[in-house]
Amino acid sequence: MTGLAFLVWMFLFDANDLVRQYDMYAKLQELEGDREYYLREIEKVKKDRAELLSSPELLEKFAREKYIMKRPGEDVFVLVPQDKE
């Protein structure tokens, strides 16, 4: 009886019961997935940064496309698609 009471207490009423253990395991798996995603993104950004810093032409192209920068005397037209209503 004592052993059965101990098992019931551990599985249902303890601060680290089975439900909480399962929730913590699911959260761990989610965080490990996020970690892998961010590590891949960091590698991609490092590669892009190395390419940009190695070539002035690529740096200019990036600045023009991403930040809509222009040379003196140029006009820049930004086309924004209309929402379909």
N, C-alpha and C. Protein backbone atom coordinates (compact mmCIF):
# COMPACT_ATOMS: atom_id res chain seq x y z
N MET A 1 0.82 -1.20 0.00
CA MET A 1 0.00 0.00 0.00
C MET A 1 0.86 1.26 0.00
N THR A 2 1.93 1.22 0.81
CA THR A 2 2.80 2.38 0.89
C THR A 2 3.45 2.66 -0.47
N GLY A 3 3.89 1.60 -1.14
CA GLY A 3 4.50 1.77 -2.45
C GLY A 3 3.52 2.31 -3.47
N LEU A 4 2.30 1.83 -3.42
CA LEU A 4 1.26 2.31 -4.34
C LEU A 4 0.94 3.77 -4.06
N ALA A 5 0.85 4.13 -2.79
CA ALA A 5 0.59 5.53 -2.42
C ALA A 5 1.74 6.42 -2.88
N PHE A 6 2.96 5.93 -2.74
CA PHE A 6 4.12 6.69 -3.19
C PHE A 6 4.08 6.92 -4.70
N LEU A 7 3.75 5.87 -5.47
CA LEU A 7 3.68 6.00 -6.93
C LEU A 7 2.57 6.96 -7.36
N VAL A 8 1.41 6.86 -6.70
CA VAL A 8 0.31 7.78 -7.02
C VAL A 8 0.73 9.21 -6.73
N TRP A 9 1.38 9.41 -5.59
CA TRP A 9 1.84 10.75 -5.24
C TRP A 9 2.84 11.28 -6.27
N MET A 10 3.80 10.45 -6.68
CA MET A 10 4.82 10.88 -7.62
C MET A 10 4.25 11.17 -9.01
N PHE A 11 3.28 10.36 -9.45
CA PHE A 11 2.74 10.53 -10.80
C PHE A 11 1.67 11.60 -10.90
N LEU A 12 0.99 11.91 -9.82
CA LEU A 12 -0.14 12.83 -9.91
C LEU A 12 0.01 14.12 -9.11
N PHE A 13 0.61 14.07 -7.95
CA PHE A 13 0.57 15.23 -7.05
C PHE A 13 1.91 15.93 -6.87
N ASP A 14 2.99 15.33 -7.27
CA ASP A 14 4.31 15.91 -7.05
C ASP A 14 4.51 17.12 -7.95
N ALA A 15 5.46 17.98 -7.60
CA ALA A 15 5.75 19.17 -8.41
C ALA A 15 6.32 18.80 -9.78
N ASN A 16 6.88 17.61 -9.90
CA ASN A 16 7.43 17.15 -11.18
C ASN A 16 6.65 15.94 -11.69
N ASP A 17 5.32 16.07 -11.73
CA ASP A 17 4.48 14.95 -12.16
C ASP A 17 4.64 14.69 -13.67
N LEU A 18 3.99 13.65 -14.15
CA LEU A 18 4.15 13.23 -15.54
C LEU A 18 3.69 14.30 -16.53
N VAL A 19 2.61 14.97 -16.23
CA VAL A 19 2.11 16.00 -17.14
C VAL A 19 3.12 17.13 -17.28
N ARG A 20 3.67 17.56 -16.18
CA ARG A 20 4.66 18.64 -16.23
C ARG A 20 5.94 18.18 -16.93
N GLN A 21 6.34 16.95 -16.70
CA GLN A 21 7.53 16.41 -17.38
C GLN A 21 7.30 16.38 -18.89
N TYR A 22 6.11 15.97 -19.32
CA TYR A 22 5.80 15.93 -20.75
C TYR A 22 5.80 17.34 -21.33
N ASP A 23 5.21 18.29 -20.64
CA ASP A 23 5.20 19.68 -21.11
C ASP A 23 6.61 20.24 -21.24
N MET A 24 7.44 19.94 -20.25
CA MET A 24 8.83 20.42 -20.30
C MET A 24 9.60 19.77 -21.44
N TYR A 25 9.34 18.49 -21.72
CA TYR A 25 10.00 17.80 -22.82
C TYR A 25 9.56 18.39 -24.16
N ALA A 26 8.26 18.67 -24.30
CA ALA A 26 7.75 19.28 -25.54
C ALA A 26 8.36 20.67 -25.73
N LYS A 27 8.48 21.44 -24.68
CA LYS A 27 9.09 22.78 -24.77
C LYS A 27 10.57 22.66 -25.15
N LEU A 28 11.26 21.68 -24.62
CA LEU A 28 12.67 21.45 -24.96
C LEU A 28 12.81 21.15 -26.44
N GLN A 29 11.94 20.28 -26.97
CA GLN A 29 12.01 19.95 -28.39
C GLN A 29 11.74 21.18 -29.25
N GLU A 30 10.80 22.01 -28.85
CA GLU A 30 10.50 23.24 -29.59
C GLU A 30 11.69 24.19 -29.58
N LEU A 31 12.31 24.35 -28.43
CA LEU A 31 13.46 25.25 -28.32
C LEU A 31 14.66 24.74 -29.10
N GLU A 32 14.85 23.43 -29.13
CA GLU A 32 15.96 22.88 -29.93
C GLU A 32 15.71 23.10 -31.41
N GLY A 33 14.47 23.01 -31.85
CA GLY A 33 14.13 23.31 -33.24
C GLY A 33 14.40 24.77 -33.57
N ASP A 34 14.02 25.66 -32.65
CA ASP A 34 14.29 27.09 -32.84
C ASP A 34 15.78 27.35 -32.90
N ARG A 35 16.53 26.66 -32.06
CA ARG A 35 17.98 26.83 -32.03
C ARG A 35 18.60 26.47 -33.38
N GLU A 36 18.16 25.36 -33.96
CA GLU A 36 18.67 24.94 -35.27
C GLU A 36 18.33 25.98 -36.34
N TYR A 37 17.12 26.50 -36.30
CA TYR A 37 16.71 27.52 -37.26
C TYR A 37 17.62 28.75 -37.15
N TYR A 38 17.83 29.23 -35.94
CA TYR A 38 18.64 30.43 -35.76
C TYR A 38 20.11 30.19 -36.11
N LEU A 39 20.61 29.00 -35.86
CA LEU A 39 21.99 28.71 -36.27
C LEU A 39 22.13 28.73 -37.79
N ARG A 40 21.13 28.19 -38.51
CA ARG A 40 21.15 28.25 -39.98
C ARG A 40 21.07 29.69 -40.46
N GLU A 41 20.22 30.50 -39.83
CA GLU A 41 20.09 31.90 -40.22
C GLU A 41 21.39 32.66 -39.96
N ILE A 42 22.06 32.38 -38.87
CA ILE A 42 23.33 33.05 -38.57
C ILE A 42 24.36 32.71 -39.63
N GLU A 43 24.42 31.45 -40.04
CA GLU A 43 25.38 31.06 -41.08
C GLU A 43 25.05 31.77 -42.40
N LYS A 44 23.78 31.88 -42.72
CA LYS A 44 23.38 32.56 -43.96
C LYS A 44 23.78 34.04 -43.92
N VAL A 45 23.56 34.68 -42.78
CA VAL A 45 23.89 36.10 -42.64
C VAL A 45 25.41 36.30 -42.70
N LYS A 46 26.17 35.39 -42.09
CA LYS A 46 27.62 35.50 -42.15
C LYS A 46 28.12 35.37 -43.58
N LYS A 47 27.53 34.45 -44.35
CA LYS A 47 27.92 34.27 -45.74
C LYS A 47 27.58 35.52 -46.56
N ASP A 48 26.37 36.06 -46.37
CA ASP A 48 25.97 37.26 -47.09
C ASP A 48 26.86 38.44 -46.72
N ARG A 49 27.20 38.55 -45.46
CA ARG A 49 28.06 39.66 -45.00
C ARG A 49 29.44 39.57 -45.63
N ALA A 50 29.99 38.36 -45.68
CA ALA A 50 31.31 38.18 -46.29
C ALA A 50 31.28 38.55 -47.77
N GLU A 51 30.21 38.17 -48.47
CA GLU A 51 30.09 38.53 -49.87
C GLU A 51 29.97 40.03 -50.06
N LEU A 52 29.18 40.68 -49.22
CA LEU A 52 28.98 42.12 -49.35
C LEU A 52 30.26 42.90 -49.07
N LEU A 53 31.00 42.47 -48.08
CA LEU A 53 32.21 43.20 -47.73
C LEU A 53 33.34 42.94 -48.71
N SER A 54 33.24 41.88 -49.50
CA SER A 54 34.32 41.57 -50.44
C SER A 54 34.14 42.27 -51.77
N SER A 55 32.96 42.75 -52.10
CA SER A 55 32.72 43.33 -53.40
C SER A 55 31.96 44.65 -53.28
N PRO A 56 32.55 45.75 -53.72
CA PRO A 56 31.83 47.04 -53.66
C PRO A 56 30.58 47.05 -54.56
N GLU A 57 30.62 46.31 -55.68
CA GLU A 57 29.46 46.27 -56.56
C GLU A 57 28.26 45.60 -55.87
N LEU A 58 28.53 44.50 -55.17
CA LEU A 58 27.45 43.83 -54.44
C LEU A 58 26.93 44.69 -53.30
N LEU A 59 27.83 45.41 -52.64
CA LEU A 59 27.42 46.29 -51.56
C LEU A 59 26.49 47.39 -52.09
N GLU A 60 26.85 47.96 -53.24
CA GLU A 60 26.01 49.00 -53.83
C GLU A 60 24.65 48.42 -54.24
N LYS A 61 24.65 47.24 -54.84
CA LYS A 61 23.40 46.60 -55.25
C LYS A 61 22.51 46.33 -54.05
N PHE A 62 23.10 45.84 -52.98
CA PHE A 62 22.35 45.56 -51.75
C PHE A 62 21.74 46.84 -51.19
N ALA A 63 22.54 47.90 -51.13
CA ALA A 63 22.06 49.17 -50.58
C ALA A 63 20.94 49.74 -51.43
N ARG A 64 21.06 49.62 -52.74
CA ARG A 64 20.03 50.15 -53.63
C ARG A 64 18.73 49.36 -53.48
N GLU A 65 18.81 48.04 -53.42
CA GLU A 65 17.61 47.22 -53.36
C GLU A 65 16.96 47.22 -51.98
N LYS A 66 17.77 47.09 -50.96
CA LYS A 66 17.23 46.91 -49.62
C LYS A 66 16.82 48.24 -48.97
N TYR A 67 17.64 49.24 -49.13
CA TYR A 67 17.42 50.51 -48.43
C TYR A 67 17.03 51.65 -49.36
N ILE A 68 16.77 51.33 -50.61
CA ILE A 68 16.33 52.30 -51.62
C ILE A 68 17.26 53.52 -51.65
N MET A 69 18.55 53.25 -51.67
CA MET A 69 19.53 54.33 -51.76
C MET A 69 19.75 54.67 -53.23
N LYS A 70 20.27 55.86 -53.48
CA LYS A 70 20.49 56.29 -54.86
C LYS A 70 21.76 57.12 -54.95
N ARG A 71 22.21 57.28 -56.16
CA ARG A 71 23.36 58.15 -56.43
C ARG A 71 22.86 59.59 -56.53
N PRO A 72 23.75 60.55 -56.33
CA PRO A 72 23.34 61.95 -56.50
C PRO A 72 22.87 62.19 -57.94
N GLY A 73 21.75 62.88 -58.07
CA GLY A 73 21.22 63.20 -59.38
C GLY A 73 20.28 62.15 -59.95
N GLU A 74 20.14 61.03 -59.30
CA GLU A 74 19.24 59.98 -59.77
C GLU A 74 17.86 60.16 -59.15
N ASP A 75 16.86 59.69 -59.85
CA ASP A 75 15.52 59.63 -59.30
C ASP A 75 15.16 58.16 -59.06
N VAL A 76 14.53 57.89 -57.93
CA VAL A 76 14.15 56.53 -57.59
C VAL A 76 12.63 56.46 -57.55
N PHE A 77 12.09 55.49 -58.26
CA PHE A 77 10.65 55.25 -58.26
C PHE A 77 10.39 53.92 -57.56
N VAL A 78 9.58 53.98 -56.52
CA VAL A 78 9.23 52.77 -55.78
C VAL A 78 7.82 52.37 -56.18
N LEU A 79 7.68 51.17 -56.72
CA LEU A 79 6.38 50.67 -57.13
C LEU A 79 5.81 49.81 -56.02
N VAL A 80 4.63 50.19 -55.56
CA VAL A 80 3.98 49.46 -54.48
C VAL A 80 2.73 48.82 -55.06
N PRO A 81 2.60 47.49 -54.92
CA PRO A 81 1.41 46.83 -55.48
C PRO A 81 0.15 47.25 -54.70
N GLN A 82 -0.94 47.41 -55.45
CA GLN A 82 -2.21 47.81 -54.83
C GLN A 82 -2.88 46.57 -54.24
N ASP A 83 -3.58 46.78 -53.13
CA ASP A 83 -4.34 45.70 -52.51
C ASP A 83 -5.59 45.44 -53.33
N LYS A 84 -5.89 44.17 -53.55
CA LYS A 84 -7.11 43.82 -54.27
C LYS A 84 -8.27 43.86 -53.30
N GLU A 85 -9.28 44.61 -53.65
CA GLU A 85 -10.44 44.73 -52.78
C GLU A 85 -11.65 44.12 -53.40
